Amino acid sequence: MTQPLITPNALNGLAEAAYYQQRFDPVAASTAANSDATPIPVVVPQGGCAWRAVEETAKRSGDVMTIELSSPFKNPFAKNSYGLFARISLGTESATWYWVPLGAVGGRWAVGQPMLLGLR
């Protein structure tokens, strides 16, 4: 399932990456974004890598890469922009955050180029 990654800190990182200059309330923005972002199942087709889905509360080894995805939501800092947050970490440390833009193409969702976020 998608994870609750739409936090005030994550939205601050997205605003910074979008060069958003206006003042905003990150708590109110994350509350609004989360109200529309319902958890959805994540399905990954079989491929070359070994993929094993785990629940959020599952114990993780320190040498296993973990990818967490938020539910898709409307980007509050850009017009007609949708996407999701992706957090990649090794075990539970060294998290790297990305904004992954989404767009509708031919009646299907398409994924754009992920953008690295400078979350502190």
C-alpha atoms as a PDB file:
ATOM      1  CA  MET A   1       0.000   0.000   0.000  1.00  0.00           C
ATOM      2  CA  THR A   2       1.098   3.563  -0.516  1.00  0.00           C
ATOM      3  CA  GLN A   3       2.514   5.270   2.576  1.00  0.00           C
ATOM      4  CA  PRO A   4       1.564   8.508   4.377  1.00  0.00           C
ATOM      5  CA  LEU A   5       4.599  10.455   3.116  1.00  0.00           C
ATOM      6  CA  ILE A   6       2.845  13.770   2.418  1.00  0.00           C
ATOM      7  CA  THR A   7       4.238  15.631   5.415  1.00  0.00           C
ATOM      8  CA  PRO A   8       4.877  19.334   6.060  1.00  0.00           C
ATOM      9  CA  ASN A   9       8.628  18.707   5.672  1.00  0.00           C
ATOM     10  CA  ALA A  10       8.128  16.883   2.348  1.00  0.00           C
ATOM     11  CA  LEU A  11       5.978  19.724   1.014  1.00  0.00           C
ATOM     12  CA  ASN A  12       8.636  22.245   2.069  1.00  0.00           C
ATOM     13  CA  GLY A  13      11.134  20.229  -0.011  1.00  0.00           C
ATOM     14  CA  LEU A  14       8.754  20.198  -2.980  1.00  0.00           C
ATOM     15  CA  ALA A  15       8.182  23.973  -2.704  1.00  0.00           C
ATOM     16  CA  GLU A  16      11.937  24.546  -2.636  1.00  0.00           C
ATOM     17  CA  ALA A  17      12.475  22.338  -5.693  1.00  0.00           C
ATOM     18  CA  ALA A  18       9.701  24.212  -7.536  1.00  0.00           C
ATOM     19  CA  TYR A  19      11.279  27.596  -6.631  1.00  0.00           C
ATOM     20  CA  TYR A  20       7.989  28.559  -4.974  1.00  0.00           C
ATOM     21  CA  GLN A  21       8.477  32.038  -3.476  1.00  0.00           C
ATOM     22  CA  GLN A  22       5.115  32.732  -1.815  1.00  0.00           C
ATOM     23  CA  ARG A  23       4.475  32.101   1.859  1.00  0.00           C
ATOM     24  CA  PHE A  24       2.386  29.040   2.694  1.00  0.00           C
ATOM     25  CA  ASP A  25       1.424  26.968   5.718  1.00  0.00           C
ATOM     26  CA  PRO A  26       3.072  23.537   5.266  1.00  0.00           C
ATOM     27  CA  VAL A  27       0.847  21.923   7.909  1.00  0.00           C
ATOM     28  CA  ALA A  28      -2.349  23.124   6.222  1.00  0.00           C
ATOM     29  CA  ALA A  29      -0.971  22.174   2.790  1.00  0.00           C
ATOM     30  CA  SER A  30      -0.095  18.627   3.919  1.00  0.00           C
ATOM     31  CA  THR A  31      -3.500  18.222   5.589  1.00  0.00           C
ATOM     32  CA  ALA A  32      -5.241  19.308   2.374  1.00  0.00           C
ATOM     33  CA  ALA A  33      -3.071  17.040   0.191  1.00  0.00           C
ATOM     34  CA  ASN A  34      -3.629  14.050   2.489  1.00  0.00           C
ATOM     35  CA  SER A  35      -7.409  14.540   2.463  1.00  0.00           C
ATOM     36  CA  ASP A  36      -7.456  13.643  -1.253  1.00  0.00           C
ATOM     37  CA  ALA A  37      -4.678  11.021  -1.139  1.00  0.00           C
ATOM     38  CA  THR A  38      -6.276   7.717  -0.254  1.00  0.00           C
ATOM     39  CA  PRO A  39      -3.987   4.681   0.107  1.00  0.00           C
ATOM     40  CA  ILE A  40      -3.867   2.512  -3.005  1.00  0.00           C
ATOM     41  CA  PRO A  41      -2.279  -0.893  -3.600  1.00  0.00           C
ATOM     42  CA  VAL A  42       1.133  -0.933  -5.256  1.00  0.00           C
ATOM     43  CA  VAL A  43       1.519  -3.704  -7.837  1.00  0.00           C
ATOM     44  CA  VAL A  44       4.900  -4.435  -9.399  1.00  0.00           C
ATOM     45  CA  PRO A  45       5.123  -6.880 -12.328  1.00  0.00           C
ATOM     46  CA  GLN A  46       7.771  -9.604 -12.280  1.00  0.00           C
ATOM     47  CA  GLY A  47      11.128  -8.433 -13.573  1.00  0.00           C
ATOM     48  CA  GLY A  48      14.867  -8.920 -13.245  1.00  0.00           C
ATOM     49  CA  CYS A  49      15.060  -7.745  -9.615  1.00  0.00           C
ATOM     50  CA  ALA A  50      13.803  -9.655  -6.619  1.00  0.00           C
ATOM     51  CA  TRP A  51      10.891  -7.598  -5.291  1.00  0.00           C
ATOM     52  CA  ARG A  52       9.241  -8.366  -1.983  1.00  0.00           C
ATOM     53  CA  ALA A  53       6.486  -6.095  -0.694  1.00  0.00           C
ATOM     54  CA  VAL A  54       6.483  -5.515   3.072  1.00  0.00           C
ATOM     55  CA  GLU A  55       4.080  -3.816   5.413  1.00  0.00           C
ATOM     56  CA  GLU A  56       5.070  -0.463   6.885  1.00  0.00           C
ATOM     57  CA  THR A  57       5.581  -2.009  10.344  1.00  0.00           C
ATOM     58  CA  ALA A  58       7.640  -4.998   9.139  1.00  0.00           C
ATOM     59  CA  LYS A  59      11.150  -5.486  10.528  1.00  0.00           C
ATOM     60  CA  ARG A  60      13.760  -4.625   7.897  1.00  0.00           C
ATOM     61  CA  SER A  61      17.345  -5.709   7.483  1.00  0.00           C
ATOM     62  CA  GLY A  62      20.002  -3.012   7.433  1.00  0.00           C
ATOM     63  CA  ASP A  63      21.210  -4.040   3.968  1.00  0.00           C
ATOM     64  CA  VAL A  64      17.857  -4.075   2.137  1.00  0.00           C
ATOM     65  CA  MET A  65      16.769  -1.177  -0.072  1.00  0.00           C
ATOM     66  CA  THR A  66      13.313   0.099   0.815  1.00  0.00           C
ATOM     67  CA  ILE A  67      11.158   2.091  -1.585  1.00  0.00           C
ATOM     68  CA  GLU A  68       8.109   3.860  -0.184  1.00  0.00           C
ATOM     69  CA  LEU A  69       5.557   5.668  -2.349  1.00  0.00           C
ATOM     70  CA  SER A  70       2.925   8.185  -1.333  1.00  0.00           C
ATOM     71  CA  SER A  71      -0.514   8.226  -2.853  1.00  0.00           C
ATOM     72  CA  PRO A  72      -0.755  10.471  -5.928  1.00  0.00           C
ATOM     73  CA  PHE A  73      -1.861  14.034  -5.173  1.00  0.00           C
ATOM     74  CA  LYS A  74      -2.148  17.478  -6.765  1.00  0.00           C
ATOM     75  CA  ASN A  75       1.055  19.503  -6.539  1.00  0.00           C
ATOM     76  CA  PRO A  76       0.045  22.694  -4.687  1.00  0.00           C
ATOM     77  CA  PHE A  77       3.005  24.622  -6.192  1.00  0.00           C
ATOM     78  CA  ALA A  78       2.342  24.083  -9.900  1.00  0.00           C
ATOM     79  CA  LYS A  79      -0.672  24.436 -12.143  1.00  0.00           C
ATOM     80  CA  ASN A  80      -2.323  21.187 -13.319  1.00  0.00           C
ATOM     81  CA  SER A  81       0.460  19.070 -11.846  1.00  0.00           C
ATOM     82  CA  TYR A  82       0.058  15.710 -10.138  1.00  0.00           C
ATOM     83  CA  GLY A  83       2.587  13.301  -8.737  1.00  0.00           C
ATOM     84  CA  LEU A  84       3.758  11.350  -5.735  1.00  0.00           C
ATOM     85  CA  PHE A  85       6.616  11.269  -3.263  1.00  0.00           C
ATOM     86  CA  ALA A  86       9.091   8.393  -3.336  1.00  0.00           C
ATOM     87  CA  ARG A  87      11.439   7.757  -0.405  1.00  0.00           C
ATOM     88  CA  ILE A  88      14.303   5.326  -0.964  1.00  0.00           C
ATOM     89  CA  SER A  89      16.405   4.174   1.955  1.00  0.00           C
ATOM     90  CA  LEU A  90      18.823   1.452   2.917  1.00  0.00           C
ATOM     91  CA  GLY A  91      17.113  -0.323   5.787  1.00  0.00           C
ATOM     92  CA  THR A  92      15.666   2.620   7.690  1.00  0.00           C
ATOM     93  CA  GLU A  93      18.580   5.038   7.201  1.00  0.00           C
ATOM     94  CA  SER A  94      19.914   7.451   4.583  1.00  0.00           C
ATOM     95  CA  ALA A  95      16.542   8.308   3.081  1.00  0.00           C
ATOM     96  CA  THR A  96      16.548  10.015  -0.315  1.00  0.00           C
ATOM     97  CA  TRP A  97      13.321  11.735  -1.365  1.00  0.00           C
ATOM     98  CA  TYR A  98      11.987  12.272  -4.895  1.00  0.00           C
ATOM     99  CA  TRP A  99       9.017  13.981  -6.487  1.00  0.00           C
ATOM    100  CA  VAL A 100       7.669  11.765  -9.287  1.00  0.00           C
ATOM    101  CA  PRO A 101       5.403  13.700 -11.684  1.00  0.00           C
ATOM    102  CA  LEU A 102       2.407  11.924 -13.195  1.00  0.00           C
ATOM    103  CA  GLY A 103       0.409  12.826 -16.266  1.00  0.00           C
ATOM    104  CA  ALA A 104      -2.463  11.420 -18.281  1.00  0.00           C
ATOM    105  CA  VAL A 105      -1.434  10.200 -21.745  1.00  0.00           C
ATOM    106  CA  GLY A 106      -3.941   8.427 -23.962  1.00  0.00           C
ATOM    107  CA  GLY A 107      -6.254   7.597 -21.069  1.00  0.00           C
ATOM    108  CA  ARG A 108      -3.442   6.116 -18.968  1.00  0.00           C
ATOM    109  CA  TRP A 109      -1.131   7.503 -16.299  1.00  0.00           C
ATOM    110  CA  ALA A 110       2.442   8.161 -17.389  1.00  0.00           C
ATOM    111  CA  VAL A 111       5.434   8.707 -15.099  1.00  0.00           C
ATOM    112  CA  GLY A 112       7.742  11.668 -15.675  1.00  0.00           C
ATOM    113  CA  GLN A 113      11.402  12.149 -14.699  1.00  0.00           C
ATOM    114  CA  PRO A 114      11.810  11.872 -10.893  1.00  0.00           C
ATOM    115  CA  MET A 115      13.187  15.027  -9.250  1.00  0.00           C
ATOM    116  CA  LEU A 116      15.540  14.761  -6.269  1.00  0.00           C
ATOM    117  CA  LEU A 117      14.325  16.721  -3.239  1.00  0.00           C
ATOM    118  CA  GLY A 118      16.670  18.315  -0.726  1.00  0.00           C
ATOM    119  CA  LEU A 119      14.890  17.265   2.467  1.00  0.00           C
ATOM    120  CA  ARG A 120      16.794  17.861   5.662  1.00  0.00           C
END
